[in-house]
Protein backbone atom coordinates (compact mmCIF):
# COMPACT_ATOMS: atom_id res chain seq x y z
CA UNK A 1 -0.09 0.01 0.00
CA UNK A 2 1.20 3.47 -0.74
CA UNK A 3 2.23 5.84 2.12
CA UNK A 4 0.62 8.58 0.54
CA UNK A 5 -2.44 7.31 -1.32
CA UNK A 6 -3.57 10.98 -2.39
CA UNK A 7 -0.83 10.55 -5.16
CA UNK A 8 -3.07 7.81 -6.79
CA UNK A 9 -6.69 8.26 -5.39
CA UNK A 10 -8.80 11.57 -5.07
CA UNK A 11 -11.45 12.26 -2.46
CA UNK A 12 -15.01 12.38 -3.57
CA UNK A 13 -16.08 16.06 -3.84
CA UNK A 14 -19.03 16.79 -1.58
CA UNK A 15 -22.07 18.47 -2.75
CA UNK A 16 -22.61 22.03 -1.70
CA UNK A 17 -25.88 21.43 -0.18
CA UNK A 18 -26.03 23.75 2.76
CA UNK A 19 -29.69 23.43 3.39
CA UNK A 20 -30.02 19.60 3.18
CA UNK A 21 -33.06 18.34 4.84
CA UNK A 22 -32.42 14.75 5.01
CA UNK A 23 -30.61 14.42 8.32
CA UNK A 24 -33.88 15.24 10.17
CA UNK A 25 -36.06 13.12 8.10
CA UNK A 26 -37.65 9.77 9.50
CA UNK A 27 -38.40 6.74 7.62
CA UNK A 28 -41.98 6.00 8.49
CA UNK A 29 -43.02 4.12 5.41
CA UNK A 30 -41.54 1.33 3.29
CA UNK A 31 -40.41 2.40 -0.34
CA UNK A 32 -41.49 0.56 -3.43
CA UNK A 33 -39.43 -2.47 -3.58
CA UNK A 34 -37.95 -3.97 -6.65
CA UNK A 35 -35.88 -7.32 -6.46
CA UNK A 36 -33.15 -7.53 -9.06
CA UNK A 37 -32.20 -11.09 -7.78
CA UNK A 38 -33.10 -12.69 -11.28
CA UNK A 39 -30.97 -10.02 -13.37
CA UNK A 40 -28.24 -8.16 -11.42
CA UNK A 41 -27.81 -10.86 -8.97
CA UNK A 42 -28.01 -13.59 -11.55
CA UNK A 43 -25.51 -11.99 -13.82
CA UNK A 44 -23.02 -12.02 -10.90
CA UNK A 45 -23.18 -15.69 -10.28
CA UNK A 46 -20.37 -18.07 -11.04
CA UNK A 47 -23.05 -20.32 -12.62
CA UNK A 48 -26.03 -18.30 -13.74
CA UNK A 49 -29.41 -19.77 -12.74
CA UNK A 50 -31.14 -22.24 -15.11
CA UNK A 51 -34.78 -22.11 -15.94
CA UNK A 52 -35.70 -24.25 -12.97
CA UNK A 53 -33.67 -22.21 -10.51
CA UNK A 54 -35.16 -19.07 -12.01
CA UNK A 55 -38.71 -20.09 -11.64
CA UNK A 56 -37.97 -21.28 -8.01
CA UNK A 57 -36.39 -17.69 -7.33
CA UNK A 58 -39.44 -15.98 -9.06
CA UNK A 59 -41.77 -18.00 -6.77
CA UNK A 60 -39.96 -17.23 -3.73
CA UNK A 61 -39.94 -13.42 -4.40
CA UNK A 62 -43.61 -13.43 -5.12
CA UNK A 63 -44.23 -15.31 -1.72
CA UNK A 64 -42.23 -12.68 0.03
CA UNK A 65 -44.28 -9.96 -1.30
CA UNK A 66 -42.34 -8.21 -4.12
CA UNK A 67 -44.81 -6.52 -6.49
CA UNK A 68 -41.99 -5.30 -8.81
CA UNK A 69 -39.51 -7.89 -9.85
CA UNK A 70 -36.68 -7.21 -12.46
CA UNK A 71 -36.58 -10.80 -14.13
CA UNK A 72 -34.02 -10.50 -16.78
CA UNK A 73 -32.18 -9.10 -19.74
CA UNK A 74 -34.12 -10.71 -22.44
CA UNK A 75 -31.88 -9.55 -25.25
CA UNK A 76 -28.71 -10.74 -23.55
CA UNK A 77 -29.11 -14.68 -24.27
CA UNK A 78 -31.50 -17.17 -25.34
CA UNK A 79 -32.14 -18.59 -21.59
CA UNK A 80 -33.05 -15.01 -20.58
CA UNK A 81 -35.73 -14.50 -23.49
CA UNK A 82 -37.00 -18.02 -22.86
CA UNK A 83 -37.55 -17.48 -19.23
CA UNK A 84 -39.60 -14.30 -19.90
CA UNK A 85 -41.65 -16.19 -22.49
CA UNK A 86 -42.22 -18.93 -19.93
CA UNK A 87 -43.67 -16.63 -17.32
CA UNK A 88 -46.00 -14.98 -19.76
CA UNK A 89 -47.16 -18.13 -21.72
CA UNK A 90 -47.70 -20.18 -18.57
CA UNK A 91 -49.55 -17.32 -16.78
CA UNK A 92 -46.94 -17.38 -13.98
CA UNK A 93 -47.06 -13.86 -13.10
CA UNK A 94 -49.73 -12.74 -10.60
CA UNK A 95 -52.21 -10.03 -11.26
CA UNK A 96 -50.49 -7.70 -8.66
CA UNK A 97 -46.98 -8.20 -9.66
CA UNK A 98 -45.10 -6.30 -12.43
CA UNK A 99 -42.27 -7.61 -14.14
CA UNK A 100 -39.22 -5.50 -15.19
CA UNK A 101 -36.66 -6.22 -17.88
CA UNK A 102 -33.41 -4.37 -18.73
CA UNK A 103 -31.99 -3.17 -21.89
CA UNK A 104 -29.15 -1.13 -23.17
CA UNK A 105 -29.58 1.92 -25.43
CA UNK A 106 -29.06 -0.06 -28.55
CA UNK A 107 -31.89 -0.28 -31.03
CA UNK A 108 -31.54 -4.02 -31.82
CA UNK A 109 -31.49 -4.90 -28.05
CA UNK A 110 -34.48 -2.62 -27.36
CA UNK A 111 -36.65 -4.29 -30.19
CA UNK A 112 -35.57 -7.76 -28.92
CA UNK A 113 -36.66 -6.86 -25.60
CA UNK A 114 -40.07 -5.76 -26.41
CA UNK A 115 -40.38 -8.97 -28.51
CA UNK A 116 -39.74 -11.06 -25.34
CA UNK A 117 -42.51 -8.87 -23.61
CA UNK A 118 -45.35 -9.50 -26.09
CA UNK A 119 -48.71 -10.46 -24.44
CA UNK A 120 -47.50 -9.42 -20.93
CA UNK A 121 -50.25 -7.51 -19.07
CA UNK A 122 -47.95 -5.05 -17.58
CA UNK A 123 -44.32 -4.46 -17.48
CA UNK A 124 -41.50 -1.99 -16.52
CA UNK A 125 -39.00 -1.58 -19.32
CA UNK A 126 -35.56 -0.34 -18.14
CA UNK A 127 -33.37 1.71 -20.25
CA UNK A 128 -29.83 2.56 -19.34
CA UNK A 129 -26.59 4.37 -20.77
CA UNK A 130 -23.59 5.37 -19.00
CA UNK A 131 -23.14 9.04 -18.14
CA UNK A 132 -20.01 9.33 -16.07
CA UNK A 133 -16.88 11.31 -17.30
CA UNK A 134 -14.60 8.32 -17.50
CA UNK A 135 -17.06 6.27 -19.52
CA UNK A 136 -17.79 9.36 -21.92
CA UNK A 137 -14.33 9.92 -22.44
CA UNK A 138 -12.57 6.35 -22.43
CA UNK A 139 -15.22 3.64 -23.11
CA UNK A 140 -17.75 5.38 -25.42
CA UNK A 141 -15.63 8.48 -26.82
CA UNK A 142 -18.78 10.47 -26.76
CA UNK A 143 -19.45 13.91 -25.98
CA UNK A 144 -22.20 15.32 -23.54
CA UNK A 145 -24.25 16.18 -26.46
CA UNK A 146 -24.06 12.71 -27.95
CA UNK A 147 -24.81 11.04 -24.63
CA UNK A 148 -28.13 13.08 -24.64
CA UNK A 149 -28.72 12.23 -28.04
CA UNK A 150 -28.08 8.46 -27.52
CA UNK A 151 -30.52 8.72 -24.29
CA UNK A 152 -33.49 10.54 -25.99
CA UNK A 153 -33.21 8.58 -29.22
CA UNK A 154 -33.74 5.41 -27.53
CA UNK A 155 -36.32 6.89 -25.14
CA UNK A 156 -38.31 7.88 -28.46
CA UNK A 157 -37.89 4.30 -29.76
CA UNK A 158 -39.28 2.89 -26.34
CA UNK A 159 -42.34 5.06 -26.95
CA UNK A 160 -42.72 4.17 -30.61
CA UNK A 161 -42.50 0.39 -29.92
CA UNK A 162 -44.55 0.30 -26.83
CA UNK A 163 -47.35 2.04 -28.96
CA UNK A 164 -47.26 -1.14 -31.22
CA UNK A 165 -48.23 -3.40 -28.30
CA UNK A 166 -51.42 -1.54 -26.75
CA UNK A 167 -52.44 -4.46 -25.07
CA UNK A 168 -49.76 -4.06 -22.38
CA UNK A 169 -49.62 -1.42 -19.60
CA UNK A 170 -46.19 0.04 -20.02
CA UNK A 171 -44.14 1.77 -17.25
CA UNK A 172 -40.63 3.31 -18.63
CA UNK A 173 -37.57 3.43 -16.39
CA UNK A 174 -34.34 5.26 -17.22
CA UNK A 175 -30.91 4.90 -15.47
CA UNK A 176 -28.07 7.21 -15.95
CA UNK A 177 -25.63 4.39 -15.33
CA UNK A 178 -22.77 5.49 -13.14
CA UNK A 179 -24.70 8.20 -11.64
CA UNK A 180 -22.88 8.11 -8.51
CA UNK A 181 -19.67 9.19 -10.59
CA UNK A 182 -21.56 11.63 -12.91
CA UNK A 183 -21.81 15.34 -12.48
CA UNK A 184 -25.09 16.46 -10.98
CA UNK A 185 -25.88 19.13 -13.53
CA UNK A 186 -25.13 16.65 -16.39
CA UNK A 187 -27.17 13.81 -14.70
CA UNK A 188 -30.24 16.39 -14.52
CA UNK A 189 -29.76 17.34 -18.16
CA UNK A 190 -30.05 13.77 -19.32
CA UNK A 191 -32.85 12.88 -16.99
CA UNK A 192 -34.73 16.00 -18.10
CA UNK A 193 -34.37 15.28 -21.68
CA UNK A 194 -35.56 11.59 -21.40
CA UNK A 195 -38.50 12.44 -19.45
CA UNK A 196 -39.18 15.30 -21.95
CA UNK A 197 -39.46 12.50 -24.47
CA UNK A 198 -41.82 10.33 -22.19
CA UNK A 199 -43.85 13.03 -20.86
CA UNK A 200 -45.03 11.08 -17.77
CA UNK A 201 -47.80 12.43 -15.73
CA UNK A 202 -48.87 12.16 -12.17
CA UNK A 203 -51.17 9.18 -13.10
CA UNK A 204 -48.85 7.63 -15.37
CA UNK A 205 -45.46 8.12 -13.85
CA UNK A 206 -42.01 6.75 -15.37
CA UNK A 207 -39.21 5.70 -13.00
CA UNK A 208 -35.82 7.36 -12.78
CA UNK A 209 -33.13 5.12 -11.27
CA UNK A 210 -29.85 6.76 -9.57
CA UNK A 211 -27.53 3.78 -9.24
CA UNK A 212 -24.25 3.68 -7.21
CA UNK A 213 -22.87 1.65 -9.96
CA UNK A 214 -19.75 1.74 -8.08
CA UNK A 215 -19.84 3.17 -4.48
CA UNK A 216 -17.10 5.80 -4.05
CA UNK A 217 -18.47 8.39 -1.66
CA UNK A 218 -19.75 8.13 2.05
CA UNK A 219 -23.43 7.68 2.30
CA UNK A 220 -23.93 11.11 3.40
CA UNK A 221 -22.63 12.67 0.06
CA UNK A 222 -24.75 10.27 -2.00
CA UNK A 223 -27.87 11.59 0.18
CA UNK A 224 -26.84 15.07 -0.70
CA UNK A 225 -26.67 13.90 -4.66
CA UNK A 226 -30.28 12.32 -4.28
CA UNK A 227 -31.74 15.34 -2.46
CA UNK A 228 -30.18 17.84 -5.06
CA UNK A 229 -31.75 15.62 -7.90
CA UNK A 230 -35.09 15.22 -6.13
CA UNK A 231 -35.23 19.11 -5.77
CA UNK A 232 -33.97 20.00 -9.35
CA UNK A 233 -35.22 17.44 -11.84
CA UNK A 234 -38.21 18.72 -13.82
CA UNK A 235 -41.61 16.85 -13.86
CA UNK A 236 -40.53 15.51 -10.31
CA UNK A 237 -44.35 14.91 -9.50
CA UNK A 238 -44.60 12.46 -12.41
CA UNK A 239 -41.49 10.47 -11.55
CA UNK A 240 -40.79 7.60 -8.96
CA UNK A 241 -37.24 8.37 -8.07
CA UNK A 242 -35.55 5.02 -7.35
CA UNK A 243 -31.90 4.22 -6.13
CA UNK A 244 -29.83 1.03 -6.91
CA UNK A 245 -27.03 0.96 -4.32
CA UNK A 246 -24.14 -1.27 -4.68
CA UNK A 247 -21.84 -2.29 -1.71
CA UNK A 248 -18.14 -1.51 -2.63
CA UNK A 249 -17.66 0.49 0.48
CA UNK A 250 -19.62 -1.80 2.62
CA UNK A 251 -22.19 0.89 3.03
CA UNK A 252 -24.92 0.04 0.74
CA UNK A 253 -27.58 -0.40 3.49
CA UNK A 254 -26.73 3.06 4.94
CA UNK A 255 -26.52 4.63 1.31
CA UNK A 256 -30.17 3.12 0.71
CA UNK A 257 -31.67 4.40 4.03
CA UNK A 258 -30.14 7.80 3.84
CA UNK A 259 -31.49 8.15 0.24
CA UNK A 260 -34.86 7.35 1.17
CA UNK A 261 -34.52 10.08 3.81
CA UNK A 262 -33.40 12.53 0.90
CA UNK A 263 -36.46 11.86 -1.02
CA UNK A 264 -36.15 8.40 -2.98
CA UNK A 265 -39.33 6.52 -3.41
CA UNK A 266 -38.14 3.09 -4.67
CA UNK A 267 -35.36 0.69 -3.90
CA UNK A 268 -33.87 -1.91 -6.11
CA UNK A 269 -31.68 -4.79 -4.47
CA UNK A 270 -31.31 -8.48 -3.84
CA UNK A 271 -32.04 -10.83 -1.09
CA UNK A 272 -29.14 -10.95 1.17
CA UNK A 273 -27.06 -8.59 -1.09
CA UNK A 274 -25.97 -10.90 -3.83
CA UNK A 275 -24.48 -9.07 -6.79
CA UNK A 276 -21.48 -7.77 -8.84
CA UNK A 277 -18.08 -7.52 -6.85
CA UNK A 278 -19.20 -6.91 -3.05
CA UNK A 279 -22.97 -7.17 -3.90
CA UNK A 280 -26.18 -5.24 -4.55
CA UNK A 281 -28.04 -3.64 -1.65
CA UNK A 282 -29.33 -6.25 0.79
CA UNK A 283 -33.31 -5.44 0.71
CA UNK A 284 -33.70 -7.91 3.61
CA UNK A 285 -31.60 -5.95 5.64
CA UNK A 286 -33.28 -2.66 5.01
CA UNK A 287 -36.67 -4.09 5.19
CA UNK A 288 -35.99 -5.60 8.81
CA UNK A 289 -34.10 -2.58 9.98
CA UNK A 290 -37.54 -0.82 9.22
CA UNK A 291 -39.45 -3.52 10.93
CA UNK A 292 -37.35 -3.21 14.13
CA UNK A 293 -38.30 0.64 14.13
CA UNK A 294 -41.87 -0.27 14.12
CA UNK A 295 -42.43 0.34 10.50
CA UNK A 296 -44.36 -2.74 8.57
CA UNK A 297 -42.03 -3.15 5.36
CA UNK A 298 -44.53 -4.78 3.37
CA UNK A 299 -42.19 -7.85 2.76
CA UNK A 300 -42.81 -11.15 4.59
CA UNK A 301 -39.49 -12.84 6.11
CA UNK A 302 -41.44 -14.91 8.78
CA UNK A 303 -39.63 -18.02 7.25
CA UNK A 304 -36.18 -16.57 6.85
CA UNK A 305 -34.49 -19.99 7.01
CA UNK A 306 -36.56 -21.13 4.28
CA UNK A 307 -35.74 -17.87 2.10
CA UNK A 308 -32.20 -18.50 2.83
CA UNK A 309 -32.16 -22.15 1.70
CA UNK A 310 -33.96 -21.31 -1.59
CA UNK A 311 -31.57 -18.44 -2.16
CA UNK A 312 -28.57 -20.63 -1.48
CA UNK A 313 -29.91 -23.19 -3.95
CA UNK A 314 -30.63 -20.79 -6.78
CA UNK A 315 -27.35 -18.82 -6.39
CA UNK A 316 -25.29 -21.78 -5.49
CA UNK A 317 -23.57 -19.48 -3.04
CA UNK A 318 -23.67 -19.58 0.82
CA UNK A 319 -25.21 -16.83 3.18
CA UNK A 320 -22.34 -15.87 5.71
CA UNK A 321 -23.24 -17.12 9.33
CA UNK A 322 -22.55 -13.71 10.50
CA UNK A 323 -25.08 -12.05 7.90
CA UNK A 324 -27.51 -9.73 9.40
CA UNK A 325 -30.74 -11.11 10.50
CA UNK A 326 -30.33 -14.44 8.57
CA UNK A 327 -27.02 -15.62 9.56
CA UNK A 328 -26.58 -18.88 11.37
CA UNK A 329 -24.85 -17.23 14.20
CA UNK A 330 -26.44 -13.61 14.37
CA UNK A 331 -28.65 -14.57 17.52
CA UNK A 332 -25.72 -16.42 19.27
CA UNK A 333 -23.87 -14.87 22.20
CA UNK A 334 -20.68 -16.68 23.44
CA UNK A 335 -19.86 -14.16 26.12
CA UNK A 336 -20.91 -15.41 29.52
CA UNK A 337 -22.08 -11.84 30.55
CA UNK A 338 -24.30 -11.58 27.35
CA UNK A 339 -25.64 -15.10 28.02
CA UNK A 340 -26.52 -14.05 31.65
CA UNK A 341 -28.37 -11.08 30.59
CA UNK A 342 -30.29 -12.69 27.94
CA UNK A 343 -31.68 -15.33 30.23
CA UNK A 344 -32.68 -12.80 32.79
CA UNK A 345 -34.44 -10.54 30.16
CA UNK A 346 -36.29 -13.65 28.89
CA UNK A 347 -37.54 -14.41 32.60
CA UNK A 348 -38.77 -10.77 32.94
CA UNK A 349 -40.21 -10.40 29.45
CA UNK A 350 -44.10 -10.85 29.26
CA UNK A 351 -46.19 -11.52 26.04
CA UNK A 352 -47.33 -8.26 24.59
CA UNK A 353 -44.25 -6.21 26.00
CA UNK A 354 -42.44 -4.02 23.82
CA UNK A 355 -39.42 -5.95 22.64
CA UNK A 356 -36.47 -4.79 24.75
CA UNK A 357 -33.93 -7.66 24.93
CA UNK A 358 -30.15 -7.18 25.26
CA UNK A 359 -28.20 -8.38 22.55
CA UNK A 360 -31.24 -9.33 20.49
CA UNK A 361 -32.48 -6.47 18.32
CA UNK A 362 -35.36 -8.51 16.89
CA UNK A 363 -37.32 -11.29 18.19
CA UNK A 364 -36.22 -14.44 16.47
CA UNK A 365 -39.64 -15.78 16.46
CA UNK A 366 -40.68 -13.02 14.14
CA UNK A 367 -38.46 -14.58 11.54
CA UNK A 368 -39.46 -18.22 12.14
CA UNK A 369 -36.72 -18.95 14.68
CA UNK A 370 -37.20 -20.15 18.16
CA UNK A 371 -36.11 -19.06 21.67
CA UNK A 372 -34.97 -22.62 22.26
CA UNK A 373 -32.25 -22.07 19.68
CA UNK A 374 -30.99 -18.99 21.52
CA UNK A 375 -31.31 -20.63 24.83
CA UNK A 376 -29.52 -23.77 23.81
CA UNK A 377 -26.65 -21.90 22.29
CA UNK A 378 -26.24 -19.51 25.33
CA UNK A 379 -26.64 -21.80 28.15
CA UNK A 380 -24.34 -24.59 27.29
CA UNK A 381 -20.52 -24.78 27.76
CA UNK A 382 -18.05 -27.22 26.56
CA UNK A 383 -19.58 -27.93 23.01
CA UNK A 384 -16.24 -26.87 21.37
CA UNK A 385 -14.49 -29.54 23.38
CA UNK A 386 -17.11 -32.20 22.65
CA UNK A 387 -16.99 -31.58 18.70
CA UNK A 388 -13.19 -31.46 18.91
CA UNK A 389 -13.14 -34.88 20.24
CA UNK A 390 -15.63 -36.50 17.99
CA UNK A 391 -13.97 -35.00 14.92
CA UNK A 392 -10.33 -35.65 15.91
CA UNK A 393 -11.21 -39.27 17.09
CA UNK A 394 -14.09 -40.29 14.94
CA UNK A 395 -13.93 -37.87 11.86
CA UNK A 396 -17.22 -36.28 12.79
CA UNK A 397 -17.78 -32.59 11.44
CA UNK A 398 -20.93 -31.64 13.36
CA UNK A 399 -22.71 -28.52 12.18
CA UNK A 400 -22.79 -25.89 14.82
CA UNK A 401 -26.41 -26.22 15.70
CA UNK A 402 -25.96 -29.93 16.04
CA UNK A 403 -22.95 -29.34 18.27
CA UNK A 404 -25.30 -27.22 20.64
CA UNK A 405 -28.11 -29.99 20.42
CA UNK A 406 -25.74 -32.83 21.44
CA UNK A 407 -24.00 -30.71 24.02
CA UNK A 408 -27.42 -30.66 25.91
CA UNK A 409 -27.45 -34.60 25.57
CA UNK A 410 -23.89 -34.75 26.87
CA UNK A 411 -24.65 -32.29 29.81
CA UNK A 412 -27.70 -34.42 30.88
CA UNK A 413 -25.51 -37.68 30.95
CA UNK A 414 -22.90 -35.86 32.88
CA UNK A 415 -25.21 -34.44 35.39
CA UNK A 416 -26.72 -38.10 35.81
CA UNK A 417 -23.40 -39.90 36.18
CA UNK A 418 -21.35 -37.33 37.50
CA UNK A 419 -18.49 -38.67 35.51
CA UNK A 420 -16.05 -37.33 32.78
CA UNK A 421 -16.87 -38.65 29.51
CA UNK A 422 -14.03 -39.61 27.19
CA UNK A 423 -14.03 -39.57 23.34
CA UNK A 424 -15.21 -43.23 23.23
CA UNK A 425 -18.15 -42.41 25.66
CA UNK A 426 -19.00 -39.56 23.56
CA UNK A 427 -19.17 -41.67 20.48
CA UNK A 428 -21.06 -44.24 22.08
CA UNK A 429 -23.59 -41.68 23.45
CA UNK A 430 -23.83 -40.04 19.92
CA UNK A 431 -24.68 -43.20 18.16
CA UNK A 432 -27.30 -44.24 20.79
CA UNK A 433 -29.04 -40.88 20.84
CA UNK A 434 -29.32 -40.55 17.06
CA UNK A 435 -29.97 -44.08 16.33
CA UNK A 436 -26.99 -44.46 14.11
CA UNK A 437 -26.79 -48.31 14.26
CA UNK A 438 -30.62 -48.94 14.83
CA UNK A 439 -32.21 -46.92 12.14
CA UNK A 440 -32.49 -49.10 8.99
CA UNK A 441 -31.97 -47.93 5.43
CA UNK A 442 -35.12 -47.53 3.50
CA UNK A 443 -35.70 -49.55 0.10
CA UNK A 444 -36.47 -46.78 -2.47
CA UNK A 445 -36.67 -46.20 -6.30
CA UNK A 446 -35.85 -42.90 -7.83
CA UNK A 447 -36.77 -41.60 -11.39
CA UNK A 448 -36.58 -37.93 -12.81
CA UNK A 449 -38.50 -36.22 -15.45
CA UNK A 450 -38.45 -32.51 -16.50
CA UNK A 451 -36.40 -31.72 -13.42
CA UNK A 452 -38.93 -33.47 -10.79
CA UNK A 453 -37.68 -36.35 -8.99
CA UNK A 454 -40.12 -38.98 -8.10
CA UNK A 455 -39.53 -41.56 -5.27
CA UNK A 456 -41.23 -44.76 -4.00
CA UNK A 457 -39.93 -46.02 -0.47
CA UNK A 458 -40.38 -48.64 2.07
CA UNK A 459 -39.24 -47.59 5.46
CA UNK A 460 -39.32 -49.22 8.85
CA UNK A 461 -39.89 -47.60 12.01
CA UNK A 462 -39.92 -49.18 15.49
CA UNK A 463 -40.56 -52.54 13.64
CA UNK A 464 -43.50 -51.05 11.49
CA UNK A 465 -43.31 -50.77 7.69
CA UNK A 466 -44.63 -47.78 5.78
CA UNK A 467 -44.82 -47.16 2.17
CA UNK A 468 -44.20 -43.90 0.57
CA UNK A 469 -44.71 -42.26 -2.73
CA UNK A 470 -43.71 -38.37 -3.49
CA UNK A 471 -42.13 -35.85 -5.78
CA UNK A 472 -39.73 -33.02 -5.27
CA UNK A 473 -36.76 -31.14 -6.47
CA UNK A 474 -34.33 -34.03 -5.38
CA UNK A 475 -34.24 -37.19 -3.53
CA UNK A 476 -34.46 -35.65 0.05
CA UNK A 477 -37.41 -33.23 -0.98
CA UNK A 478 -39.40 -36.20 -2.42
CA UNK A 479 -38.81 -38.21 0.49
CA UNK A 480 -39.71 -35.48 3.03
CA UNK A 481 -42.90 -34.66 0.86
CA UNK A 482 -44.06 -38.28 0.84
CA UNK A 483 -43.23 -38.61 4.65
CA UNK A 484 -45.32 -35.65 5.56
CA UNK A 485 -48.37 -37.30 3.55
CA UNK A 486 -48.00 -40.61 5.24
CA UNK A 487 -47.72 -39.39 8.77
CA UNK A 488 -50.11 -36.38 8.39
CA UNK A 489 -47.40 -33.96 9.67
CA UNK A 490 -45.67 -31.08 7.97
CA UNK A 491 -41.84 -32.22 8.00
CA UNK A 492 -39.44 -29.85 6.50
CA UNK A 493 -35.61 -29.94 6.10
CA UNK A 494 -33.96 -26.76 7.48
CA UNK A 495 -30.38 -27.75 7.03
CA UNK A 496 -28.19 -30.43 5.52
CA UNK A 497 -24.76 -31.54 5.50
CA UNK A 498 -22.58 -34.40 4.75
CA UNK A 499 -19.10 -35.93 4.53
CA UNK A 500 -17.38 -38.99 4.36
CA UNK A 501 -15.86 -40.86 7.27
CA UNK A 502 -13.11 -43.57 7.37
CA UNK A 503 -10.97 -44.47 4.15
CA UNK A 504 -10.70 -46.85 1.57
CA UNK A 505 -13.08 -49.80 1.35
CA UNK A 506 -14.37 -48.94 4.80
CA UNK A 507 -15.33 -45.28 3.89
CA UNK A 508 -18.99 -44.46 4.44
CA UNK A 509 -20.93 -41.21 4.29
CA UNK A 510 -22.59 -39.46 7.35
CA UNK A 511 -25.46 -37.09 6.86
CA UNK A 512 -26.72 -34.71 9.33
CA UNK A 513 -30.32 -33.18 8.80
CA UNK A 514 -32.09 -30.59 10.85
CA UNK A 515 -35.89 -31.10 10.67
CA UNK A 516 -38.84 -28.90 11.63
CA UNK A 517 -42.05 -30.71 12.34
CA UNK A 518 -45.39 -28.99 12.38
CA UNK A 519 -43.55 -25.54 12.56
CA UNK A 520 -43.03 -26.08 16.42
CA UNK A 521 -40.38 -28.86 16.92
CA UNK A 522 -36.94 -28.62 15.63
CA UNK A 523 -34.26 -31.39 15.80
CA UNK A 524 -31.29 -33.11 14.16
CA UNK A 525 -31.01 -36.62 12.68
CA UNK A 526 -28.00 -38.57 11.70
CA UNK A 527 -27.52 -41.29 9.25
CA UNK A 528 -24.57 -43.35 8.10
CA UNK A 529 -24.39 -45.55 5.03
CA UNK A 530 -22.04 -46.64 2.25
CA UNK A 531 -24.64 -44.73 0.04
CA UNK A 532 -25.03 -40.96 0.40
CA UNK A 533 -28.83 -40.95 -0.39
CA UNK A 534 -29.53 -43.92 1.97
CA UNK A 535 -27.45 -41.96 4.69
CA UNK A 536 -29.66 -38.95 4.06
CA UNK A 537 -32.83 -40.70 4.44
CA UNK A 538 -31.62 -42.57 7.58
CA UNK A 539 -30.86 -39.14 8.82
CA UNK A 540 -34.35 -38.10 8.29
CA UNK A 541 -35.87 -41.00 9.88
CA UNK A 542 -33.53 -40.51 12.73
CA UNK A 543 -34.59 -36.89 13.37
CA UNK A 544 -38.20 -37.86 13.04
CA UNK A 545 -37.87 -40.53 15.72
CA UNK A 546 -36.37 -37.85 18.02
CA UNK A 547 -39.33 -35.51 17.76
CA UNK A 548 -41.88 -36.90 20.35
CA UNK A 549 -44.97 -35.89 18.85
CA UNK A 550 -43.91 -37.02 15.45
CA UNK A 551 -42.86 -40.29 16.92
CA UNK A 552 -46.23 -40.57 18.37
CA UNK A 553 -47.77 -39.92 14.79
CA UNK A 554 -45.71 -42.31 13.23
CA UNK A 555 -46.52 -45.07 15.71
CA UNK A 556 -50.20 -44.30 15.25
């Protein structure tokens, strides 16, 4: 690193907005939310989503409550075009949801985009072109006048082509790409020129999107930029002012919140902040920040673990265990003093009280998590030593929540016996608790067609045989769906992990499955088998037998 970085980097110039009003503003209502998971998020993936993953993500976004969803860049590739057509032709777009698509300011791309949207009831078509000095000078080799001409020519093309599809209710959106690096006066000039072409009205507004394409300034400077634009652009009463923050400085959430205080009406972002480089705005973070200030965000994250599982599946990327609100460890306190404060506060808390809990800014139950997980994490000690002995002696790599769960089993055993347990004792207790040697592998058959896995299986529980028949996205999903139907209970897999134990001919797979039964009971099951699918199914049966109410249902 340079001793004097000012020789290479220049500070971002502040906006001379001496009468700014945003510092005294309070966010009292949610913005218009637009998910860009299927476009901006998707293009940043190591492996972009296939059609099946795209459909699954779209359905998840609809379930959460997004009313505007940017579904792709139809002119960019055939899969993007085909996905748009699938949504339209299969009537997958709910009546209260508007899809959005993006296109560069190039004629053939614009025309291809409208072709993809033929027959859609309503849509937002999003046009962009670069406006920043470095793009004008180095990349495009265009003057300011030429940039304005490019934007307005394509804005007119939008209007002309849209008129040939009168059955669709169109909303136009324009982004001066790299707004965050563009002179405010020039941004205003381009925006005003585009809206002069579109002639929006208070009844039929257009969207002007202000992206922090690359985050260079502190959030307060960007808020000044937004407030200046909010005050100075023409036809403001006919414009939905939107921001699209990125997270290069790690301040995307603050940038979004201050932008709302500065006059923005709408936010674009992704679930858990997926996106190019350091990611897009994390809309979950902003929404739940509002929630803990008493503002209903209009988005439903009451099953945040299920949402995380969908996002991890579709993106093929993990969510960090310390990620705000959703991470595996975010409600965990390892400090003894924190543990003591939480336990005392829980004892004093009464149903209906305002949430005022030390170290827990949100009630985990509001997001589908239980107090049990928090208490178990924070009331136990020695779980690190237990997991270390099982890993070093027997090769077990227990997931953290399984470490916590099993540590309670160990603690009860130690309290009863008063003796120290060696590694062999722990392994024997582990096998007995999770039925490693007693749960029998089910007999099953699998088939797959059009991305759907079908399974028939025969299982044995406590000496009784059961016959299952189900479908799902994979063997585990199909097995769980069939099992839920057979026993009449809602069985869901919250977390799954597996690895090999042993070496050579003696190597086996061990699977760890965290189950939730009837939305109220959560526990782990463990299965060991030479076959990974069989190990996984054994683990599900193991977990089911460990849930008392579920066990009674199976026995009945």
